[in-house]
Structures are given as C-alpha cells and as structure tokens.
Amino acid sequence: MAQIEKRGANSYRLGVSCGFDSNNKRIMKYKTIKLAPDLTEKQIEIELAVQINQFEKEIEKGTYLDGNITLNKFAEKWLKDYAEISLKPTTLARYKALMQRILIALGHKKLENISPTDLIQFYKNLAEGGIRLDYKYKLKENIVSEIPDFKQKISIAALNSDTINKLIKGRSATKEIQSIKSVQF
C-alpha cells in the first residue's frame, strides 16, 4: 500500500507499507521528493506514479536507504551485512583501517548531504601534515652514520632487507618499522 502526501508547493512525501511489526503495527517507510515547479498537473501525476513505483521497488529489493542515515551508521551496517561476510580477512582489515580516517572526517554527515565539496575538502585535509593515520616513517638523516653497525643492529628489528635498505637510503617505510622502536642501540 502506497500513499502520497502533498507537503509544500513542489514537495511530496511518499509512503510505502512494509508489513506489520510484532505488535501488529504497520511499518511505513517514507521519502520526501521535490518536483520541478514548471510541471503541469498531468506531468505531476505521471512523475508521482513513477517515483512511488521506483520507491516501492527499492524497498522490495532492500536497496532503499533512509535519507537520515549517517555515514557512521551506514558503514557499521555495511561492515556487518556485507564486508565481514564477503571479504577476505586482509581486505577487511585494510578497509577497516582506511574507514577509521574517513569516518572521523565525514561519519557524522547524513549520506544524502555528503557533497563533492566535502570530498574535495577531505582529500585536501589528508595532504596536511600529521593528519593521516597511515603514517610513513623516516629515520633521522644522520642516524646511519652515528650508530656503529647500524645495518646489523636494525636487522634485529625483524625487518626485511628491502625495508632496511629503504631506511638507509633515506626513503620512507610503512608501519612495519614500528618494531624498530623496541630495538636498543
């Protein structure tokens, strides 16, 4: 059962019944739409029929998302309903790590309100120093020459030889070198 309610000049609220709950109360899903102001009555009637039909199909397929859902809530639902079931453990772990930073910046926003401008600002923000959560590490410039037998001592940190060579050449390496902090020189 579908219903259409006129809300404003060009605004309509669509309602679709999704059955009944355990207390025999009707479960309704709602969606507000705005139509172009220059439509004729007949065009409005046709567009509303198309919109209500599309809304019913979205609900039947389970693809409808409440417009009030935040990115945090959606990510939580996505992780539970899809990611944990469908993804390999390494992929899931990487997505969760990346998601942390995204949710810090955008998690409070409603999905329908996340704009391209928000994404551009987020990307710009990632480029700022000290903001990223996926840090890269570099050794101090003179550390190799200051510590005798540096290469031998750093190999104790259980790093692979490629990482050790990167560090000696002054290039950055990822979090795997965190274990270097525990090495006593």
N, C-alpha and C. Protein backbone atom coordinates (compact mmCIF):
# COMPACT_ATOMS: atom_id res chain seq x y z
N MET A 1 0.84 -1.17 0.00
CA MET A 1 0.00 0.00 0.00
C MET A 1 0.89 1.24 0.00
N ALA A 2 0.67 2.10 -0.95
CA ALA A 2 1.47 3.32 -1.07
C ALA A 2 0.58 4.53 -0.84
N GLN A 3 1.20 5.60 -0.37
CA GLN A 3 0.45 6.83 -0.17
C GLN A 3 1.31 8.02 -0.59
N ILE A 4 0.65 9.06 -1.05
CA ILE A 4 1.33 10.28 -1.47
C ILE A 4 0.67 11.44 -0.72
N GLU A 5 1.51 12.26 -0.10
CA GLU A 5 1.00 13.39 0.67
C GLU A 5 1.69 14.66 0.17
N LYS A 6 0.91 15.67 -0.21
CA LYS A 6 1.48 16.94 -0.65
C LYS A 6 1.95 17.70 0.59
N ARG A 7 3.22 18.13 0.57
CA ARG A 7 3.80 18.79 1.74
C ARG A 7 3.99 20.29 1.55
N GLY A 8 4.37 20.69 0.38
CA GLY A 8 4.62 22.10 0.10
C GLY A 8 4.28 22.37 -1.35
N ALA A 9 4.75 23.50 -1.86
CA ALA A 9 4.44 23.88 -3.24
C ALA A 9 4.82 22.78 -4.23
N ASN A 10 6.05 22.27 -4.13
CA ASN A 10 6.52 21.24 -5.06
C ASN A 10 7.03 20.00 -4.33
N SER A 11 6.67 19.88 -3.07
CA SER A 11 7.19 18.80 -2.24
C SER A 11 6.11 17.77 -1.92
N TYR A 12 6.51 16.50 -2.00
CA TYR A 12 5.57 15.41 -1.73
C TYR A 12 6.26 14.38 -0.85
N ARG A 13 5.49 13.78 0.06
CA ARG A 13 6.01 12.70 0.88
C ARG A 13 5.39 11.40 0.40
N LEU A 14 6.27 10.47 0.03
CA LEU A 14 5.83 9.15 -0.43
C LEU A 14 5.90 8.20 0.76
N GLY A 15 4.90 7.37 0.90
CA GLY A 15 4.88 6.39 1.98
C GLY A 15 4.57 5.02 1.43
N VAL A 16 5.32 4.03 1.89
CA VAL A 16 5.11 2.66 1.44
C VAL A 16 5.04 1.76 2.67
N SER A 17 4.03 0.90 2.71
CA SER A 17 3.87 -0.03 3.81
C SER A 17 4.82 -1.21 3.63
N CYS A 18 5.45 -1.60 4.74
CA CYS A 18 6.39 -2.72 4.72
C CYS A 18 5.90 -3.84 5.63
N GLY A 19 4.61 -3.98 5.76
CA GLY A 19 4.05 -5.03 6.59
C GLY A 19 3.76 -4.55 8.00
N PHE A 20 3.78 -5.49 8.95
CA PHE A 20 3.43 -5.19 10.33
C PHE A 20 4.51 -5.70 11.27
N ASP A 21 4.68 -5.01 12.41
CA ASP A 21 5.64 -5.48 13.41
C ASP A 21 4.98 -6.48 14.35
N SER A 22 5.70 -6.89 15.38
CA SER A 22 5.19 -7.91 16.30
C SER A 22 3.97 -7.44 17.10
N ASN A 23 3.76 -6.13 17.19
CA ASN A 23 2.59 -5.59 17.90
C ASN A 23 1.44 -5.29 16.94
N ASN A 24 1.54 -5.81 15.73
CA ASN A 24 0.53 -5.61 14.69
C ASN A 24 0.40 -4.15 14.27
N LYS A 25 1.49 -3.40 14.41
CA LYS A 25 1.51 -2.00 13.98
C LYS A 25 2.15 -1.94 12.60
N ARG A 26 1.56 -1.16 11.71
CA ARG A 26 2.05 -1.05 10.34
C ARG A 26 3.43 -0.40 10.32
N ILE A 27 4.34 -0.99 9.56
CA ILE A 27 5.68 -0.44 9.37
C ILE A 27 5.66 0.36 8.07
N MET A 28 5.99 1.63 8.16
CA MET A 28 5.98 2.51 6.99
C MET A 28 7.38 3.05 6.74
N LYS A 29 7.73 3.18 5.47
CA LYS A 29 8.95 3.85 5.05
C LYS A 29 8.52 5.09 4.30
N TYR A 30 9.22 6.20 4.55
CA TYR A 30 8.85 7.47 3.92
C TYR A 30 10.03 8.05 3.16
N LYS A 31 9.67 8.82 2.15
CA LYS A 31 10.68 9.51 1.34
C LYS A 31 10.04 10.80 0.85
N THR A 32 10.75 11.90 1.00
CA THR A 32 10.25 13.19 0.52
C THR A 32 10.95 13.53 -0.78
N ILE A 33 10.17 13.95 -1.75
CA ILE A 33 10.73 14.34 -3.05
C ILE A 33 10.26 15.74 -3.40
N LYS A 34 11.03 16.40 -4.24
CA LYS A 34 10.65 17.71 -4.76
C LYS A 34 10.58 17.59 -6.27
N LEU A 35 9.52 18.13 -6.82
CA LEU A 35 9.35 18.11 -8.27
C LEU A 35 9.62 19.50 -8.83
N ALA A 36 9.93 19.55 -10.10
CA ALA A 36 10.18 20.83 -10.77
C ALA A 36 8.92 21.70 -10.70
N PRO A 37 9.07 22.98 -10.46
CA PRO A 37 7.90 23.86 -10.30
C PRO A 37 7.11 24.11 -11.59
N ASP A 38 7.70 23.85 -12.74
CA ASP A 38 7.04 24.16 -14.01
C ASP A 38 6.24 23.00 -14.60
N LEU A 39 5.99 21.95 -13.82
CA LEU A 39 5.25 20.80 -14.32
C LEU A 39 3.75 21.06 -14.32
N THR A 40 3.08 20.51 -15.31
CA THR A 40 1.61 20.61 -15.35
C THR A 40 1.03 19.56 -14.39
N GLU A 41 -0.27 19.65 -14.14
CA GLU A 41 -0.93 18.68 -13.26
C GLU A 41 -0.76 17.25 -13.77
N LYS A 42 -0.90 17.07 -15.06
CA LYS A 42 -0.76 15.74 -15.65
C LYS A 42 0.67 15.23 -15.50
N GLN A 43 1.67 16.09 -15.71
CA GLN A 43 3.07 15.72 -15.56
C GLN A 43 3.39 15.37 -14.10
N ILE A 44 2.79 16.13 -13.18
CA ILE A 44 2.98 15.85 -11.75
C ILE A 44 2.42 14.48 -11.42
N GLU A 45 1.24 14.19 -11.93
CA GLU A 45 0.60 12.90 -11.69
C GLU A 45 1.46 11.74 -12.22
N ILE A 46 1.98 11.90 -13.42
CA ILE A 46 2.84 10.87 -14.03
C ILE A 46 4.13 10.71 -13.23
N GLU A 47 4.77 11.82 -12.88
CA GLU A 47 6.04 11.77 -12.15
C GLU A 47 5.86 11.14 -10.77
N LEU A 48 4.77 11.45 -10.09
CA LEU A 48 4.50 10.85 -8.78
C LEU A 48 4.29 9.34 -8.91
N ALA A 49 3.61 8.91 -9.96
CA ALA A 49 3.40 7.47 -10.19
C ALA A 49 4.73 6.77 -10.42
N VAL A 50 5.61 7.40 -11.19
CA VAL A 50 6.93 6.84 -11.46
C VAL A 50 7.75 6.77 -10.17
N GLN A 51 7.74 7.86 -9.39
CA GLN A 51 8.52 7.93 -8.16
C GLN A 51 8.04 6.92 -7.11
N ILE A 52 6.72 6.78 -6.95
CA ILE A 52 6.20 5.84 -5.96
C ILE A 52 6.51 4.40 -6.37
N ASN A 53 6.42 4.13 -7.67
CA ASN A 53 6.75 2.81 -8.19
C ASN A 53 8.23 2.48 -7.94
N GLN A 54 9.09 3.44 -8.22
CA GLN A 54 10.53 3.27 -8.01
C GLN A 54 10.83 3.07 -6.52
N PHE A 55 10.16 3.84 -5.67
CA PHE A 55 10.36 3.74 -4.23
C PHE A 55 9.94 2.36 -3.72
N GLU A 56 8.82 1.85 -4.19
CA GLU A 56 8.36 0.51 -3.80
C GLU A 56 9.37 -0.55 -4.21
N LYS A 57 9.92 -0.43 -5.42
CA LYS A 57 10.91 -1.40 -5.90
C LYS A 57 12.19 -1.36 -5.07
N GLU A 58 12.63 -0.16 -4.69
CA GLU A 58 13.82 -0.02 -3.85
C GLU A 58 13.62 -0.74 -2.51
N ILE A 59 12.44 -0.57 -1.94
CA ILE A 59 12.15 -1.20 -0.65
C ILE A 59 12.07 -2.72 -0.81
N GLU A 60 11.42 -3.19 -1.86
CA GLU A 60 11.31 -4.64 -2.10
C GLU A 60 12.69 -5.28 -2.28
N LYS A 61 13.58 -4.61 -3.01
CA LYS A 61 14.92 -5.14 -3.27
C LYS A 61 15.86 -4.96 -2.08
N GLY A 62 15.48 -4.10 -1.14
CA GLY A 62 16.34 -3.83 0.01
C GLY A 62 17.43 -2.83 -0.30
N THR A 63 17.27 -2.06 -1.36
CA THR A 63 18.30 -1.08 -1.73
C THR A 63 17.99 0.32 -1.23
N TYR A 64 16.83 0.50 -0.63
CA TYR A 64 16.47 1.83 -0.13
C TYR A 64 17.19 2.12 1.18
N LEU A 65 17.82 3.28 1.25
CA LEU A 65 18.46 3.73 2.47
C LEU A 65 17.71 4.96 2.96
N ASP A 66 17.40 4.95 4.23
CA ASP A 66 16.74 6.10 4.84
C ASP A 66 17.64 7.32 4.64
N GLY A 67 17.08 8.42 4.20
CA GLY A 67 17.86 9.63 3.95
C GLY A 67 18.50 10.20 5.20
N ASN A 68 18.04 9.80 6.37
CA ASN A 68 18.58 10.34 7.61
C ASN A 68 19.76 9.53 8.15
N ILE A 69 20.16 8.49 7.46
CA ILE A 69 21.26 7.64 7.94
C ILE A 69 22.59 8.37 7.75
N THR A 70 23.42 8.31 8.78
CA THR A 70 24.74 8.93 8.69
C THR A 70 25.73 7.93 8.08
N LEU A 71 26.85 8.46 7.66
CA LEU A 71 27.90 7.59 7.11
C LEU A 71 28.37 6.60 8.17
N ASN A 72 28.45 7.02 9.43
CA ASN A 72 28.84 6.10 10.52
C ASN A 72 27.89 4.90 10.58
N LYS A 73 26.60 5.16 10.60
CA LYS A 73 25.60 4.09 10.69
C LYS A 73 25.64 3.21 9.45
N PHE A 74 25.79 3.82 8.28
CA PHE A 74 25.85 3.05 7.05
C PHE A 74 27.08 2.15 7.04
N ALA A 75 28.23 2.69 7.45
CA ALA A 75 29.47 1.91 7.47
C ALA A 75 29.34 0.73 8.43
N GLU A 76 28.73 0.97 9.57
CA GLU A 76 28.51 -0.10 10.54
C GLU A 76 27.64 -1.21 9.93
N LYS A 77 26.57 -0.80 9.26
CA LYS A 77 25.67 -1.76 8.62
C LYS A 77 26.38 -2.49 7.48
N TRP A 78 27.15 -1.76 6.67
CA TRP A 78 27.86 -2.34 5.54
C TRP A 78 28.88 -3.37 6.03
N LEU A 79 29.61 -3.03 7.09
CA LEU A 79 30.59 -3.97 7.62
C LEU A 79 29.92 -5.26 8.08
N LYS A 80 28.83 -5.13 8.82
CA LYS A 80 28.16 -6.30 9.39
C LYS A 80 27.45 -7.12 8.31
N ASP A 81 26.72 -6.46 7.42
CA ASP A 81 25.89 -7.17 6.44
C ASP A 81 26.64 -7.63 5.20
N TYR A 82 27.73 -6.95 4.86
CA TYR A 82 28.42 -7.31 3.63
C TYR A 82 29.89 -7.67 3.83
N ALA A 83 30.64 -6.71 4.35
CA ALA A 83 32.10 -6.85 4.37
C ALA A 83 32.57 -8.07 5.16
N GLU A 84 32.06 -8.25 6.37
CA GLU A 84 32.52 -9.36 7.21
C GLU A 84 32.16 -10.72 6.61
N ILE A 85 31.15 -10.75 5.77
CA ILE A 85 30.71 -11.99 5.14
C ILE A 85 31.44 -12.25 3.83
N SER A 86 31.65 -11.20 3.05
CA SER A 86 32.11 -11.36 1.67
C SER A 86 33.60 -11.12 1.42
N LEU A 87 34.26 -10.39 2.28
CA LEU A 87 35.64 -10.01 2.01
C LEU A 87 36.64 -10.94 2.70
N LYS A 88 37.81 -11.03 2.11
CA LYS A 88 38.89 -11.79 2.72
C LYS A 88 39.38 -11.02 3.95
N PRO A 89 39.93 -11.72 4.93
CA PRO A 89 40.36 -11.06 6.17
C PRO A 89 41.34 -9.90 5.96
N THR A 90 42.29 -10.07 5.03
CA THR A 90 43.26 -8.99 4.81
C THR A 90 42.59 -7.76 4.19
N THR A 91 41.67 -7.99 3.26
CA THR A 91 40.95 -6.89 2.64
C THR A 91 40.08 -6.19 3.67
N LEU A 92 39.38 -6.96 4.48
CA LEU A 92 38.53 -6.40 5.53
C LEU A 92 39.35 -5.56 6.50
N ALA A 93 40.49 -6.05 6.91
CA ALA A 93 41.35 -5.31 7.84
C ALA A 93 41.80 -4.00 7.22
N ARG A 94 42.17 -4.03 5.95
CA ARG A 94 42.62 -2.80 5.27
C ARG A 94 41.48 -1.80 5.15
N TYR A 95 40.29 -2.27 4.78
CA TYR A 95 39.13 -1.39 4.68
C TYR A 95 38.80 -0.75 6.01
N LYS A 96 38.87 -1.54 7.09
CA LYS A 96 38.58 -1.00 8.42
C LYS A 96 39.59 0.08 8.79
N ALA A 97 40.85 -0.15 8.46
CA ALA A 97 41.89 0.83 8.76
C ALA A 97 41.65 2.13 7.99
N LEU A 98 41.31 2.02 6.71
CA LEU A 98 41.04 3.21 5.91
C LEU A 98 39.77 3.91 6.37
N MET A 99 38.79 3.11 6.77
CA MET A 99 37.49 3.65 7.17
C MET A 99 37.61 4.53 8.42
N GLN A 100 38.55 4.21 9.31
CA GLN A 100 38.72 5.00 10.52
C GLN A 100 38.87 6.47 10.19
N ARG A 101 39.78 6.78 9.29
CA ARG A 101 40.08 8.18 8.95
C ARG A 101 38.89 8.84 8.24
N ILE A 102 38.24 8.09 7.38
CA ILE A 102 37.09 8.62 6.65
C ILE A 102 35.96 8.97 7.62
N LEU A 103 35.70 8.08 8.56
CA LEU A 103 34.60 8.29 9.50
C LEU A 103 34.88 9.42 10.48
N ILE A 104 36.15 9.65 10.81
CA ILE A 104 36.49 10.78 11.67
C ILE A 104 36.06 12.08 10.99
N ALA A 105 36.31 12.17 9.69
CA ALA A 105 36.02 13.40 8.95
C ALA A 105 34.57 13.52 8.50
N LEU A 106 33.99 12.42 8.03
CA LEU A 106 32.68 12.51 7.38
C LEU A 106 31.58 11.67 8.04
N GLY A 107 31.92 10.89 9.03
CA GLY A 107 30.97 9.95 9.61
C GLY A 107 29.72 10.57 10.20
N HIS A 108 29.81 11.80 10.67
CA HIS A 108 28.67 12.46 11.28
C HIS A 108 27.65 12.98 10.26
N LYS A 109 28.03 13.04 9.00
CA LYS A 109 27.15 13.59 7.96
C LYS A 109 26.15 12.56 7.47
N LYS A 110 24.97 13.02 7.12
CA LYS A 110 23.97 12.15 6.50
C LYS A 110 24.44 11.83 5.09
N LEU A 111 24.16 10.61 4.64
CA LEU A 111 24.61 10.20 3.30
C LEU A 111 24.15 11.16 2.22
N GLU A 112 22.90 11.57 2.31
CA GLU A 112 22.36 12.43 1.26
C GLU A 112 22.97 13.83 1.27
N ASN A 113 23.66 14.19 2.36
CA ASN A 113 24.26 15.52 2.47
C ASN A 113 25.75 15.55 2.18
N ILE A 114 26.35 14.40 1.89
CA ILE A 114 27.78 14.40 1.55
C ILE A 114 27.91 14.86 0.10
N SER A 115 28.61 15.96 -0.06
CA SER A 115 28.72 16.58 -1.38
C SER A 115 30.12 16.42 -1.95
N PRO A 116 30.28 16.65 -3.25
CA PRO A 116 31.62 16.63 -3.84
C PRO A 116 32.57 17.60 -3.14
N THR A 117 32.05 18.72 -2.67
CA THR A 117 32.88 19.69 -1.95
C THR A 117 33.41 19.09 -0.65
N ASP A 118 32.58 18.32 0.04
CA ASP A 118 33.03 17.64 1.27
C ASP A 118 34.17 16.69 0.96
N LEU A 119 34.06 15.96 -0.15
CA LEU A 119 35.11 15.00 -0.53
C LEU A 119 36.40 15.72 -0.90
N ILE A 120 36.29 16.82 -1.63
CA ILE A 120 37.48 17.59 -2.00
C ILE A 120 38.17 18.10 -0.74
N GLN A 121 37.39 18.61 0.21
CA GLN A 121 37.95 19.10 1.47
C GLN A 121 38.63 17.97 2.24
N PHE A 122 38.02 16.79 2.21
CA PHE A 122 38.60 15.62 2.88
C PHE A 122 39.95 15.26 2.26
N TYR A 123 40.02 15.21 0.93
CA TYR A 123 41.28 14.90 0.24
C TYR A 123 42.35 15.94 0.55
N LYS A 124 41.94 17.21 0.56
CA LYS A 124 42.86 18.30 0.87
C LYS A 124 43.38 18.14 2.30
N ASN A 125 42.49 17.78 3.20
CA ASN A 125 42.84 17.59 4.60
C ASN A 125 43.84 16.45 4.78
N LEU A 126 43.70 15.38 3.99
CA LEU A 126 44.63 14.26 4.08
C LEU A 126 46.06 14.67 3.74
N ALA A 127 46.20 15.69 2.89
CA ALA A 127 47.52 16.14 2.47
C ALA A 127 48.23 16.96 3.55
N GLU A 128 47.49 17.42 4.56
CA GLU A 128 48.10 18.22 5.63
C GLU A 128 48.97 17.33 6.50
N GLY A 129 50.04 17.90 7.02
CA GLY A 129 50.95 17.16 7.87
C GLY A 129 50.30 16.70 9.17
N GLY A 130 50.60 15.47 9.58
CA GLY A 130 50.12 14.96 10.86
C GLY A 130 48.67 14.51 10.87
N ILE A 131 47.98 14.59 9.76
CA ILE A 131 46.56 14.26 9.69
C ILE A 131 46.34 12.78 9.39
N ARG A 132 47.15 12.22 8.55
CA ARG A 132 46.92 10.85 8.09
C ARG A 132 47.11 9.84 9.22
N LEU A 133 46.38 8.76 9.15
CA LEU A 133 46.52 7.69 10.12
C LEU A 133 47.41 6.56 9.59
N ASP A 134 47.70 6.58 8.30
CA ASP A 134 48.56 5.55 7.72
C ASP A 134 49.97 6.13 7.55
N TYR A 135 50.59 6.41 8.67
CA TYR A 135 51.87 7.08 8.69
C TYR A 135 52.95 6.34 7.93
N LYS A 136 53.87 7.13 7.42
CA LYS A 136 55.10 6.59 6.88
C LYS A 136 56.22 7.13 7.76
N TYR A 137 57.26 6.36 7.92
CA TYR A 137 58.34 6.72 8.82
C TYR A 137 59.63 6.90 8.05
N LYS A 138 60.44 7.84 8.53
CA LYS A 138 61.78 8.03 8.02
C LYS A 138 62.72 8.09 9.20
N LEU A 139 63.93 7.62 8.99
CA LEU A 139 64.95 7.73 10.02
C LEU A 139 65.56 9.12 9.98
N LYS A 140 66.10 9.56 11.11
CA LYS A 140 66.80 10.84 11.14
C LYS A 140 67.95 10.77 10.15
N GLU A 141 68.27 11.90 9.56
CA GLU A 141 69.26 11.93 8.48
C GLU A 141 70.62 11.33 8.87
N ASN A 142 71.11 11.62 10.05
CA ASN A 142 72.47 11.21 10.42
C ASN A 142 72.51 9.92 11.22
N ILE A 143 71.39 9.29 11.46
CA ILE A 143 71.37 8.13 12.35
C ILE A 143 72.24 6.98 11.84
N VAL A 144 72.29 6.80 10.54
CA VAL A 144 73.08 5.70 9.97
C VAL A 144 74.56 5.89 10.29
N SER A 145 75.05 7.10 10.17
CA SER A 145 76.47 7.34 10.44
C SER A 145 76.77 7.44 11.93
N GLU A 146 75.79 7.80 12.75
CA GLU A 146 76.01 7.97 14.19
C GLU A 146 76.06 6.64 14.94
N ILE A 147 75.41 5.61 14.45
CA ILE A 147 75.35 4.33 15.15
C ILE A 147 76.25 3.32 14.45
N PRO A 148 77.27 2.84 15.15
CA PRO A 148 78.13 1.82 14.55
C PRO A 148 77.34 0.53 14.30
N ASP A 149 77.65 -0.14 13.24
CA ASP A 149 76.99 -1.40 12.87
C ASP A 149 75.47 -1.23 12.75
N PHE A 150 75.05 -0.09 12.21
CA PHE A 150 73.62 0.22 12.13
C PHE A 150 72.84 -0.87 11.40
N LYS A 151 73.33 -1.28 10.25
CA LYS A 151 72.59 -2.26 9.45
C LYS A 151 72.41 -3.57 10.21
N GLN A 152 73.45 -3.99 10.91
CA GLN A 152 73.36 -5.24 11.68
C GLN A 152 72.37 -5.07 12.84
N LYS A 153 72.44 -3.94 13.53
CA LYS A 153 71.55 -3.71 14.67
C LYS A 153 70.09 -3.58 14.25
N ILE A 154 69.87 -2.92 13.14
CA ILE A 154 68.49 -2.73 12.69
C ILE A 154 67.88 -4.04 12.19
N SER A 155 68.73 -4.97 11.75
CA SER A 155 68.20 -6.26 11.30
C SER A 155 67.60 -7.05 12.46
N ILE A 156 67.98 -6.70 13.68
CA ILE A 156 67.41 -7.34 14.87
C ILE A 156 65.91 -7.02 14.97
N ALA A 157 65.48 -5.92 14.40
CA ALA A 157 64.08 -5.48 14.48
C ALA A 157 63.16 -6.34 13.62
N ALA A 158 63.68 -7.39 13.03
CA ALA A 158 62.90 -8.33 12.22
C ALA A 158 62.28 -7.66 11.00
N LEU A 159 63.01 -6.74 10.40
CA LEU A 159 62.56 -6.09 9.17
C LEU A 159 63.17 -6.83 8.00
N ASN A 160 62.47 -6.82 6.89
CA ASN A 160 63.06 -7.48 5.73
C ASN A 160 64.14 -6.58 5.13
N SER A 161 64.98 -7.13 4.32
CA SER A 161 66.14 -6.40 3.81
C SER A 161 65.74 -5.21 2.92
N ASP A 162 64.64 -5.34 2.19
CA ASP A 162 64.18 -4.22 1.35
C ASP A 162 63.85 -3.00 2.22
N THR A 163 63.17 -3.23 3.32
CA THR A 163 62.80 -2.13 4.23
C THR A 163 64.05 -1.51 4.83
N ILE A 164 64.99 -2.34 5.25
CA ILE A 164 66.23 -1.82 5.83
C ILE A 164 66.97 -0.96 4.80
N ASN A 165 67.06 -1.43 3.56
CA ASN A 165 67.74 -0.65 2.52
C ASN A 165 67.01 0.65 2.23
N LYS A 166 65.68 0.63 2.24
CA LYS A 166 64.91 1.87 2.06
C LYS A 166 65.26 2.89 3.13
N LEU A 167 65.29 2.42 4.38
CA LEU A 167 65.56 3.31 5.50
C LEU A 167 66.97 3.88 5.41
N ILE A 168 67.94 3.06 5.07
CA ILE A 168 69.33 3.51 4.97
C ILE A 168 69.47 4.55 3.86
N LYS A 169 68.72 4.38 2.78
CA LYS A 169 68.78 5.34 1.67
C LYS A 169 67.97 6.60 1.94
N GLY A 170 67.26 6.65 3.09
CA GLY A 170 66.51 7.85 3.45
C GLY A 170 65.09 7.88 2.93
N ARG A 171 64.63 6.78 2.36
CA ARG A 171 63.26 6.73 1.88
C ARG A 171 62.35 6.34 3.03
N SER A 172 61.03 6.56 2.85
CA SER A 172 60.10 6.25 3.92
C SER A 172 59.63 4.80 3.84
N ALA A 173 59.15 4.30 4.95
CA ALA A 173 58.62 2.94 5.04
C ALA A 173 57.32 2.99 5.84
N THR A 174 56.53 1.95 5.74
CA THR A 174 55.23 1.95 6.40
C THR A 174 55.35 1.47 7.84
N LYS A 175 54.20 1.25 8.48
CA LYS A 175 54.13 0.92 9.90
C LYS A 175 54.93 -0.31 10.31
N GLU A 176 55.33 -1.14 9.38
CA GLU A 176 56.05 -2.35 9.77
C GLU A 176 57.33 -2.02 10.53
N ILE A 177 57.81 -0.78 10.43
CA ILE A 177 59.04 -0.47 11.15
C ILE A 177 58.75 0.02 12.56
N GLN A 178 57.53 -0.04 13.01
CA GLN A 178 57.25 0.34 14.38
C GLN A 178 58.05 -0.51 15.36
N SER A 179 58.31 -1.73 14.99
CA SER A 179 59.07 -2.61 15.89
C SER A 179 60.49 -2.11 16.10
N ILE A 180 60.93 -1.19 15.26
CA ILE A 180 62.29 -0.64 15.40
C ILE A 180 62.42 0.13 16.71
N LYS A 181 61.33 0.63 17.23
CA LYS A 181 61.38 1.42 18.46
C LYS A 181 61.84 0.57 19.64
N SER A 182 61.59 -0.71 19.56
CA SER A 182 61.96 -1.59 20.66
C SER A 182 63.43 -2.05 20.61
N VAL A 183 64.09 -1.73 19.52
CA VAL A 183 65.49 -2.15 19.38
C VAL A 183 66.36 -1.18 20.18
N GLN A 184 67.24 -1.72 21.00
CA GLN A 184 68.16 -0.90 21.79
C GLN A 184 69.48 -0.76 21.04
N PHE A 185 69.85 0.45 20.73
CA PHE A 185 71.12 0.67 20.02
C PHE A 185 72.22 0.92 21.00
